[in-house]
C-alpha atoms as a PDB file:
ATOM      1  CA  UNK A   1      54.454   6.491   4.803  1.00  0.00           C
ATOM      2  CA  UNK A   2      51.161   8.215   5.533  1.00  0.00           C
ATOM      3  CA  UNK A   3      51.152  11.882   6.304  1.00  0.00           C
ATOM      4  CA  UNK A   4      50.840  12.943   9.789  1.00  0.00           C
ATOM      5  CA  UNK A   5      47.613  14.225  10.945  1.00  0.00           C
ATOM      6  CA  UNK A   6      47.656  16.933  13.421  1.00  0.00           C
ATOM      7  CA  UNK A   7      45.454  16.702  16.466  1.00  0.00           C
ATOM      8  CA  UNK A   8      44.185  19.536  18.598  1.00  0.00           C
ATOM      9  CA  UNK A   9      43.909  23.126  17.452  1.00  0.00           C
ATOM     10  CA  UNK A  10      43.278  23.926  13.692  1.00  0.00           C
ATOM     11  CA  UNK A  11      46.004  25.312  11.814  1.00  0.00           C
ATOM     12  CA  UNK A  12      46.286  28.779  10.210  1.00  0.00           C
ATOM     13  CA  UNK A  13      44.193  27.818   7.115  1.00  0.00           C
ATOM     14  CA  UNK A  14      41.412  26.215   9.312  1.00  0.00           C
ATOM     15  CA  UNK A  15      41.300  29.231  11.548  1.00  0.00           C
ATOM     16  CA  UNK A  16      40.906  31.583   8.593  1.00  0.00           C
ATOM     17  CA  UNK A  17      38.387  29.367   6.904  1.00  0.00           C
ATOM     18  CA  UNK A  18      36.270  29.139  10.099  1.00  0.00           C
ATOM     19  CA  UNK A  19      36.554  32.943  10.564  1.00  0.00           C
ATOM     20  CA  UNK A  20      35.219  33.439   7.018  1.00  0.00           C
ATOM     21  CA  UNK A  21      32.256  31.221   7.448  1.00  0.00           C
ATOM     22  CA  UNK A  22      31.315  33.029  10.703  1.00  0.00           C
ATOM     23  CA  UNK A  23      31.747  36.411   9.086  1.00  0.00           C
ATOM     24  CA  UNK A  24      29.822  35.533   6.048  1.00  0.00           C
ATOM     25  CA  UNK A  25      26.911  34.133   8.147  1.00  0.00           C
ATOM     26  CA  UNK A  26      26.815  37.182  10.359  1.00  0.00           C
ATOM     27  CA  UNK A  27      26.742  39.469   7.262  1.00  0.00           C
ATOM     28  CA  UNK A  28      23.967  37.445   5.554  1.00  0.00           C
ATOM     29  CA  UNK A  29      21.898  37.498   8.823  1.00  0.00           C
ATOM     30  CA  UNK A  30      22.474  41.260   9.305  1.00  0.00           C
ATOM     31  CA  UNK A  31      21.463  41.848   5.724  1.00  0.00           C
ATOM     32  CA  UNK A  32      18.295  39.881   6.033  1.00  0.00           C
ATOM     33  CA  UNK A  33      17.344  41.581   9.258  1.00  0.00           C
ATOM     34  CA  UNK A  34      18.082  44.934   7.687  1.00  0.00           C
ATOM     35  CA  UNK A  35      15.864  44.132   4.684  1.00  0.00           C
ATOM     36  CA  UNK A  36      12.933  42.979   6.907  1.00  0.00           C
ATOM     37  CA  UNK A  37      13.148  46.152   9.058  1.00  0.00           C
ATOM     38  CA  UNK A  38      13.215  48.330   5.875  1.00  0.00           C
ATOM     39  CA  UNK A  39      10.150  46.440   4.443  1.00  0.00           C
ATOM     40  CA  UNK A  40       8.279  46.795   7.784  1.00  0.00           C
ATOM     41  CA  UNK A  41       9.063  50.563   7.855  1.00  0.00           C
ATOM     42  CA  UNK A  42       8.035  51.034   4.160  1.00  0.00           C
ATOM     43  CA  UNK A  43       4.749  49.129   4.779  1.00  0.00           C
ATOM     44  CA  UNK A  44       3.969  51.239   8.005  1.00  0.00           C
ATOM     45  CA  UNK A  45       4.749  54.438   6.062  1.00  0.00           C
ATOM     46  CA  UNK A  46       2.497  53.523   3.139  1.00  0.00           C
ATOM     47  CA  UNK A  47      -0.260  52.583   5.590  1.00  0.00           C
ATOM     48  CA  UNK A  48       0.000  55.868   7.345  1.00  0.00           C
ATOM     49  CA  UNK A  49      -0.136  57.696   4.015  1.00  0.00           C
ATOM     50  CA  UNK A  50      -3.208  55.751   2.981  1.00  0.00           C
ATOM     51  CA  UNK A  51      -5.139  56.430   6.257  1.00  0.00           C
ATOM     52  CA  UNK A  52      -4.115  60.035   6.055  1.00  0.00           C
ATOM     53  CA  UNK A  53      -5.445  60.388   2.542  1.00  0.00           C
ATOM     54  CA  UNK A  54      -8.675  58.614   3.625  1.00  0.00           C
ATOM     55  CA  UNK A  55      -9.195  60.947   6.655  1.00  0.00           C
ATOM     56  CA  UNK A  56      -8.240  64.250   4.823  1.00  0.00           C
ATOM     57  CA  UNK A  57     -11.163  66.270   3.868  1.00  0.00           C
ATOM     58  CA  UNK A  58     -11.708  66.434   0.015  1.00  0.00           C
ATOM     59  CA  UNK A  59     -10.704  69.839  -1.363  1.00  0.00           C
ATOM     60  CA  UNK A  60     -13.673  72.093  -1.758  1.00  0.00           C
ATOM     61  CA  UNK A  61     -15.073  72.043  -5.330  1.00  0.00           C
ATOM     62  CA  UNK A  62     -14.517  75.309  -6.995  1.00  0.00           C
ATOM     63  CA  UNK A  63     -17.592  76.217  -8.946  1.00  0.00           C
ATOM     64  CA  UNK A  64     -16.880  76.996 -12.642  1.00  0.00           C
ATOM     65  CA  UNK A  65     -16.762  80.538 -13.448  1.00  0.00           C
ATOM     66  CA  UNK A  66     -19.779  81.599 -15.512  1.00  0.00           C
ATOM     67  CA  UNK A  67     -18.914  82.587 -19.033  1.00  0.00           C
ATOM     68  CA  UNK A  68     -19.488  86.202 -20.054  1.00  0.00           C
ATOM     69  CA  UNK A  69     -22.487  86.621 -22.229  1.00  0.00           C
ATOM     70  CA  UNK A  70     -21.448  86.744 -25.845  1.00  0.00           C
ATOM     71  CA  UNK A  71     -21.682  90.154 -27.519  1.00  0.00           C
ATOM     72  CA  UNK A  72     -25.097  90.507 -29.312  1.00  0.00           C
ATOM     73  CA  UNK A  73     -25.295  90.375 -32.999  1.00  0.00           C
ATOM     74  CA  UNK A  74     -26.041  93.902 -34.455  1.00  0.00           C
ATOM     75  CA  UNK A  75     -29.660  94.492 -34.494  1.00  0.00           C
ATOM     76  CA  UNK A  76     -31.664  97.146 -36.271  1.00  0.00           C
ATOM     77  CA  UNK A  77     -33.534  98.441 -33.337  1.00  0.00           C
ATOM     78  CA  UNK A  78     -32.973  98.763 -29.461  1.00  0.00           C
ATOM     79  CA  UNK A  79     -35.734  96.134 -28.851  1.00  0.00           C
ATOM     80  CA  UNK A  80     -34.189  93.622 -31.219  1.00  0.00           C
ATOM     81  CA  UNK A  81     -30.718  93.926 -29.487  1.00  0.00           C
ATOM     82  CA  UNK A  82     -32.336  93.475 -26.077  1.00  0.00           C
ATOM     83  CA  UNK A  83     -34.358  90.527 -27.283  1.00  0.00           C
ATOM     84  CA  UNK A  84     -31.269  88.800 -28.758  1.00  0.00           C
ATOM     85  CA  UNK A  85     -29.484  89.354 -25.445  1.00  0.00           C
ATOM     86  CA  UNK A  86     -32.317  87.898 -23.341  1.00  0.00           C
ATOM     87  CA  UNK A  87     -32.331  84.914 -25.827  1.00  0.00           C
ATOM     88  CA  UNK A  88     -28.701  84.381 -25.356  1.00  0.00           C
ATOM     89  CA  UNK A  89     -29.007  84.470 -21.620  1.00  0.00           C
ATOM     90  CA  UNK A  90     -31.946  82.108 -21.931  1.00  0.00           C
ATOM     91  CA  UNK A  91     -29.545  79.737 -23.939  1.00  0.00           C
ATOM     92  CA  UNK A  92     -26.765  79.902 -21.339  1.00  0.00           C
ATOM     93  CA  UNK A  93     -29.149  79.183 -18.572  1.00  0.00           C
ATOM     94  CA  UNK A  94     -30.512  76.243 -20.625  1.00  0.00           C
ATOM     95  CA  UNK A  95     -27.026  74.873 -21.165  1.00  0.00           C
ATOM     96  CA  UNK A  96     -26.335  75.050 -17.451  1.00  0.00           C
ATOM     97  CA  UNK A  97     -23.674  77.858 -17.786  1.00  0.00           C
ATOM     98  CA  UNK A  98     -25.701  80.282 -15.701  1.00  0.00           C
ATOM     99  CA  UNK A  99     -27.603  79.446 -12.717  1.00  0.00           C
ATOM    100  CA  UNK A 100     -31.144  80.797 -12.098  1.00  0.00           C
ATOM    101  CA  UNK A 101     -29.784  83.486  -9.755  1.00  0.00           C
ATOM    102  CA  UNK A 102     -27.139  84.518 -12.378  1.00  0.00           C
ATOM    103  CA  UNK A 103     -29.707  84.589 -15.064  1.00  0.00           C
ATOM    104  CA  UNK A 104     -32.058  86.753 -13.010  1.00  0.00           C
ATOM    105  CA  UNK A 105     -29.249  89.264 -12.064  1.00  0.00           C
ATOM    106  CA  UNK A 106     -28.152  89.484 -15.795  1.00  0.00           C
ATOM    107  CA  UNK A 107     -31.761  89.867 -16.894  1.00  0.00           C
ATOM    108  CA  UNK A 108     -32.416  92.675 -14.294  1.00  0.00           C
ATOM    109  CA  UNK A 109     -29.277  94.355 -15.366  1.00  0.00           C
ATOM    110  CA  UNK A 110     -30.386  94.408 -19.053  1.00  0.00           C
ATOM    111  CA  UNK A 111     -33.879  95.521 -18.363  1.00  0.00           C
ATOM    112  CA  UNK A 112     -32.593  98.323 -16.301  1.00  0.00           C
END
């Protein structure tokens, strides 16, 4: 004899299987939506940060501090010491360490 097939409502196992399929589908859909929203939010945040970085004024450049003139080598006379200090100042200006204004101020200080 063939087993009897039940007609009508599904049994307990059929209901549990159908519920599992529906729950799994809902969870997968919710996860996909959540990931898509997170990606959109991340992209918007990165775009805002990029735009803010482009619009922000660049930090003011700080001019390098001029190096203090090196101590003069011991010279025999006062004129020799003065000439060596002026030569050192000239070298510093030639190397770009001192600007013309700084050179003129240092020279005026040496000359008195």
